[in-house]
Amino acid sequence: MSDLAVPAGYQRHRRASGLTAPWEPIFIRHHDHGLSLAIRAGQPHANSRGFVHGGLISALADNAMGLSCADRLGGISGLVTVSMTLDFLGSARLGQWVEIRAEATRTGRSLNFAAAQVWADDALCARATAVFKALAPRPSPETPS
């Protein structure tokens, strides 16, 4: 993708965190089995060689896979990552549209499984799998009598 346009179907991801704040804007698109998070790779995303940093790719893959599981589950207070595997197959460079396409592959009351592919424009550059533990819903505050 040669221009800097955001592809159709994406909107700004509004779930902020201290970790991802320096990487904004982050974009989100929902699909049938999960969601995609994406960035236009810029200087804040790069290592000293001009590649998108592997730690950023890992963090966004973790985020996208967890959100995919949470969307499917509903009614939980959150998820924590139990394990994650990430295989780098190529690299993403400055200016590329970097998309993490995640899907929940199996959900349960406790453990949940997800997979993701990381694309830099039209080239597959990483794949990931993860296991997440669902946290119980927060108890509602008791109403005084």
C-alpha atoms as a PDB file:
ATOM      1  CA  MET A   1       0.000   0.000   0.000  1.00  0.00           C
ATOM      2  CA  SER A   2       1.754   3.125  -1.169  1.00  0.00           C
ATOM      3  CA  ASP A   3      -0.487   5.873   0.205  1.00  0.00           C
ATOM      4  CA  LEU A   4      -1.054   6.811   3.825  1.00  0.00           C
ATOM      5  CA  ALA A   5      -4.820   6.293   3.749  1.00  0.00           C
ATOM      6  CA  VAL A   6      -6.503   4.130   6.350  1.00  0.00           C
ATOM      7  CA  PRO A   7      -8.172   1.168   4.612  1.00  0.00           C
ATOM      8  CA  ALA A   8     -11.961   1.002   4.539  1.00  0.00           C
ATOM      9  CA  GLY A   9     -13.684  -0.506   7.566  1.00  0.00           C
ATOM     10  CA  TYR A  10     -11.167   0.683  10.159  1.00  0.00           C
ATOM     11  CA  GLN A  11     -11.877   3.151  12.938  1.00  0.00           C
ATOM     12  CA  ARG A  12      -9.760   4.568  15.742  1.00  0.00           C
ATOM     13  CA  HIS A  13      -9.222   2.070  18.567  1.00  0.00           C
ATOM     14  CA  ARG A  14     -10.385   3.913  21.679  1.00  0.00           C
ATOM     15  CA  ARG A  15      -9.196   1.516  24.379  1.00  0.00           C
ATOM     16  CA  ALA A  16      -6.194   3.374  25.750  1.00  0.00           C
ATOM     17  CA  SER A  17      -3.321   1.985  27.786  1.00  0.00           C
ATOM     18  CA  GLY A  18      -0.056   3.429  28.971  1.00  0.00           C
ATOM     19  CA  LEU A  19       1.856   0.897  26.885  1.00  0.00           C
ATOM     20  CA  THR A  20       0.151   1.632  23.590  1.00  0.00           C
ATOM     21  CA  ALA A  21      -0.349   5.408  23.999  1.00  0.00           C
ATOM     22  CA  PRO A  22       2.977   6.291  22.295  1.00  0.00           C
ATOM     23  CA  TRP A  23       1.978   4.152  19.301  1.00  0.00           C
ATOM     24  CA  GLU A  24      -1.283   5.992  18.553  1.00  0.00           C
ATOM     25  CA  PRO A  25      -3.174   6.115  16.368  1.00  0.00           C
ATOM     26  CA  ILE A  26      -4.131   2.445  16.477  1.00  0.00           C
ATOM     27  CA  PHE A  27      -7.047   1.306  14.337  1.00  0.00           C
ATOM     28  CA  ILE A  28      -9.566  -1.514  14.811  1.00  0.00           C
ATOM     29  CA  ARG A  29     -11.821  -3.490  12.490  1.00  0.00           C
ATOM     30  CA  HIS A  30     -14.163  -6.267  13.609  1.00  0.00           C
ATOM     31  CA  HIS A  31     -14.679  -9.359  11.475  1.00  0.00           C
ATOM     32  CA  ASP A  32     -16.648 -12.604  11.787  1.00  0.00           C
ATOM     33  CA  HIS A  33     -14.305 -14.498  14.123  1.00  0.00           C
ATOM     34  CA  GLY A  34     -12.379 -11.726  15.832  1.00  0.00           C
ATOM     35  CA  LEU A  35     -10.827  -8.386  15.067  1.00  0.00           C
ATOM     36  CA  SER A  36      -7.867  -6.641  13.539  1.00  0.00           C
ATOM     37  CA  LEU A  37      -5.672  -3.980  15.115  1.00  0.00           C
ATOM     38  CA  ALA A  38      -3.528  -1.922  12.767  1.00  0.00           C
ATOM     39  CA  ILE A  39      -1.066   0.952  12.554  1.00  0.00           C
ATOM     40  CA  ARG A  40       0.590   2.932   9.812  1.00  0.00           C
ATOM     41  CA  ALA A  41       4.226   2.225  10.726  1.00  0.00           C
ATOM     42  CA  GLY A  42       6.026   5.392  11.737  1.00  0.00           C
ATOM     43  CA  GLN A  43       9.082   6.465  13.674  1.00  0.00           C
ATOM     44  CA  PRO A  44       7.559   5.693  17.123  1.00  0.00           C
ATOM     45  CA  HIS A  45       7.119   2.060  15.999  1.00  0.00           C
ATOM     46  CA  ALA A  46      10.627   1.483  14.644  1.00  0.00           C
ATOM     47  CA  ASN A  47      13.868   0.060  15.889  1.00  0.00           C
ATOM     48  CA  SER A  48      17.244   1.555  14.898  1.00  0.00           C
ATOM     49  CA  ARG A  49      17.235  -0.340  11.581  1.00  0.00           C
ATOM     50  CA  GLY A  50      13.917   1.090  10.414  1.00  0.00           C
ATOM     51  CA  PHE A  51      11.910  -2.087  11.010  1.00  0.00           C
ATOM     52  CA  VAL A  52       8.766  -2.158  13.137  1.00  0.00           C
ATOM     53  CA  HIS A  53      10.003  -3.322  16.536  1.00  0.00           C
ATOM     54  CA  GLY A  54       9.240  -6.950  17.382  1.00  0.00           C
ATOM     55  CA  GLY A  55       8.115  -5.945  20.874  1.00  0.00           C
ATOM     56  CA  LEU A  56       5.430  -3.703  19.391  1.00  0.00           C
ATOM     57  CA  ILE A  57       4.250  -6.502  17.109  1.00  0.00           C
ATOM     58  CA  SER A  58       4.149  -8.872  20.085  1.00  0.00           C
ATOM     59  CA  ALA A  59       2.199  -6.441  22.272  1.00  0.00           C
ATOM     60  CA  LEU A  60      -0.361  -5.652  19.570  1.00  0.00           C
ATOM     61  CA  ALA A  61      -0.781  -9.354  18.725  1.00  0.00           C
ATOM     62  CA  ASP A  62      -1.373 -10.107  22.426  1.00  0.00           C
ATOM     63  CA  ASN A  63      -3.886  -7.263  22.600  1.00  0.00           C
ATOM     64  CA  ALA A  64      -5.747  -8.266  19.413  1.00  0.00           C
ATOM     65  CA  MET A  65      -5.967 -11.949  20.368  1.00  0.00           C
ATOM     66  CA  GLY A  66      -7.163 -11.146  23.895  1.00  0.00           C
ATOM     67  CA  LEU A  67      -9.784  -8.710  22.619  1.00  0.00           C
ATOM     68  CA  SER A  68     -10.985 -11.324  20.112  1.00  0.00           C
ATOM     69  CA  CYS A  69     -11.547 -13.790  22.949  1.00  0.00           C
ATOM     70  CA  ALA A  70     -13.190 -11.160  25.163  1.00  0.00           C
ATOM     71  CA  ASP A  71     -15.592 -10.147  22.379  1.00  0.00           C
ATOM     72  CA  ARG A  72     -16.699 -13.738  21.962  1.00  0.00           C
ATOM     73  CA  LEU A  73     -17.026 -14.423  25.706  1.00  0.00           C
ATOM     74  CA  GLY A  74     -18.766 -11.340  27.060  1.00  0.00           C
ATOM     75  CA  GLY A  75     -19.578 -11.017  30.770  1.00  0.00           C
ATOM     76  CA  ILE A  76     -15.978 -11.296  32.012  1.00  0.00           C
ATOM     77  CA  SER A  77     -13.945  -8.692  33.840  1.00  0.00           C
ATOM     78  CA  GLY A  78     -10.899  -9.328  31.680  1.00  0.00           C
ATOM     79  CA  LEU A  79      -8.343 -11.814  30.448  1.00  0.00           C
ATOM     80  CA  VAL A  80      -4.750 -12.472  31.391  1.00  0.00           C
ATOM     81  CA  THR A  81      -2.218 -14.003  29.040  1.00  0.00           C
ATOM     82  CA  VAL A  82      -1.128 -17.489  30.106  1.00  0.00           C
ATOM     83  CA  SER A  83       1.195 -18.124  27.164  1.00  0.00           C
ATOM     84  CA  MET A  84       1.975 -16.695  23.773  1.00  0.00           C
ATOM     85  CA  THR A  85       4.116 -17.852  20.866  1.00  0.00           C
ATOM     86  CA  LEU A  86       5.177 -15.533  18.067  1.00  0.00           C
ATOM     87  CA  ASP A  87       7.059 -16.547  14.926  1.00  0.00           C
ATOM     88  CA  PHE A  88       8.609 -13.802  12.800  1.00  0.00           C
ATOM     89  CA  LEU A  89       8.464 -14.653   9.098  1.00  0.00           C
ATOM     90  CA  GLY A  90       9.542 -11.320   7.667  1.00  0.00           C
ATOM     91  CA  SER A  91       9.694  -7.666   8.619  1.00  0.00           C
ATOM     92  CA  ALA A  92       7.494  -4.597   8.556  1.00  0.00           C
ATOM     93  CA  ARG A  93       9.004  -1.258   7.539  1.00  0.00           C
ATOM     94  CA  LEU A  94       8.236   2.407   8.011  1.00  0.00           C
ATOM     95  CA  GLY A  95       5.250   3.557   5.969  1.00  0.00           C
ATOM     96  CA  GLN A  96       3.630   0.127   5.713  1.00  0.00           C
ATOM     97  CA  TRP A  97       0.126  -0.674   6.936  1.00  0.00           C
ATOM     98  CA  VAL A  98       0.716  -3.230   9.694  1.00  0.00           C
ATOM     99  CA  GLU A  99      -2.376  -5.300  10.503  1.00  0.00           C
ATOM    100  CA  ILE A 100      -2.762  -7.928  13.214  1.00  0.00           C
ATOM    101  CA  ARG A 101      -5.677 -10.193  12.179  1.00  0.00           C
ATOM    102  CA  ALA A 102      -6.746 -12.096  15.270  1.00  0.00           C
ATOM    103  CA  GLU A 103      -9.428 -14.645  15.963  1.00  0.00           C
ATOM    104  CA  ALA A 104     -10.615 -16.601  18.948  1.00  0.00           C
ATOM    105  CA  THR A 105     -10.107 -20.264  18.038  1.00  0.00           C
ATOM    106  CA  ARG A 106     -11.638 -21.813  21.180  1.00  0.00           C
ATOM    107  CA  THR A 107     -13.297 -20.207  24.173  1.00  0.00           C
ATOM    108  CA  GLY A 108     -14.227 -21.674  27.514  1.00  0.00           C
ATOM    109  CA  ARG A 109     -15.161 -20.638  31.024  1.00  0.00           C
ATOM    110  CA  SER A 110     -11.532 -20.582  32.091  1.00  0.00           C
ATOM    111  CA  LEU A 111      -9.032 -21.029  29.249  1.00  0.00           C
ATOM    112  CA  ASN A 112      -9.352 -19.407  25.843  1.00  0.00           C
ATOM    113  CA  PHE A 113      -7.273 -19.813  22.707  1.00  0.00           C
ATOM    114  CA  ALA A 114      -6.543 -17.419  19.869  1.00  0.00           C
ATOM    115  CA  ALA A 115      -4.397 -17.054  16.768  1.00  0.00           C
ATOM    116  CA  ALA A 116      -3.205 -14.096  14.742  1.00  0.00           C
ATOM    117  CA  GLN A 117      -1.443 -13.269  11.527  1.00  0.00           C
ATOM    118  CA  VAL A 118       0.585 -10.081  11.193  1.00  0.00           C
ATOM    119  CA  TRP A 119       0.608  -8.468   7.756  1.00  0.00           C
ATOM    120  CA  ALA A 120       2.787  -5.624   6.476  1.00  0.00           C
ATOM    121  CA  ASP A 121       0.837  -4.344   3.494  1.00  0.00           C
ATOM    122  CA  ASP A 122       0.233  -7.639   1.637  1.00  0.00           C
ATOM    123  CA  ALA A 123       3.133  -9.642   3.087  1.00  0.00           C
ATOM    124  CA  LEU A 124       2.755 -12.028   6.012  1.00  0.00           C
ATOM    125  CA  CYS A 125       5.472 -11.064   8.500  1.00  0.00           C
ATOM    126  CA  ALA A 126       4.521 -12.965  11.698  1.00  0.00           C
ATOM    127  CA  ARG A 127       2.062 -15.432  13.186  1.00  0.00           C
ATOM    128  CA  ALA A 128       1.074 -15.882  16.802  1.00  0.00           C
ATOM    129  CA  THR A 129      -0.961 -18.113  19.077  1.00  0.00           C
ATOM    130  CA  ALA A 130      -1.940 -17.500  22.674  1.00  0.00           C
ATOM    131  CA  VAL A 131      -3.826 -18.887  25.648  1.00  0.00           C
ATOM    132  CA  PHE A 132      -5.777 -16.557  27.946  1.00  0.00           C
ATOM    133  CA  LYS A 133      -7.401 -17.113  31.337  1.00  0.00           C
ATOM    134  CA  ALA A 134     -10.783 -15.473  31.798  1.00  0.00           C
ATOM    135  CA  LEU A 135     -11.213 -13.464  34.977  1.00  0.00           C
ATOM    136  CA  ALA A 136     -14.479 -13.843  36.862  1.00  0.00           C
ATOM    137  CA  PRO A 137     -16.957 -10.992  36.569  1.00  0.00           C
ATOM    138  CA  ARG A 138     -16.525  -8.361  39.219  1.00  0.00           C
ATOM    139  CA  PRO A 139     -19.151  -8.676  41.937  1.00  0.00           C
ATOM    140  CA  SER A 140     -21.704  -5.891  41.892  1.00  0.00           C
ATOM    141  CA  PRO A 141     -21.676  -3.648  44.954  1.00  0.00           C
ATOM    142  CA  GLU A 142     -24.313  -4.534  47.471  1.00  0.00           C
ATOM    143  CA  THR A 143     -27.141  -2.093  47.800  1.00  0.00           C
ATOM    144  CA  PRO A 144     -27.539  -0.848  51.394  1.00  0.00           C
ATOM    145  CA  SER A 145     -30.868  -1.752  52.984  1.00  0.00           C
END
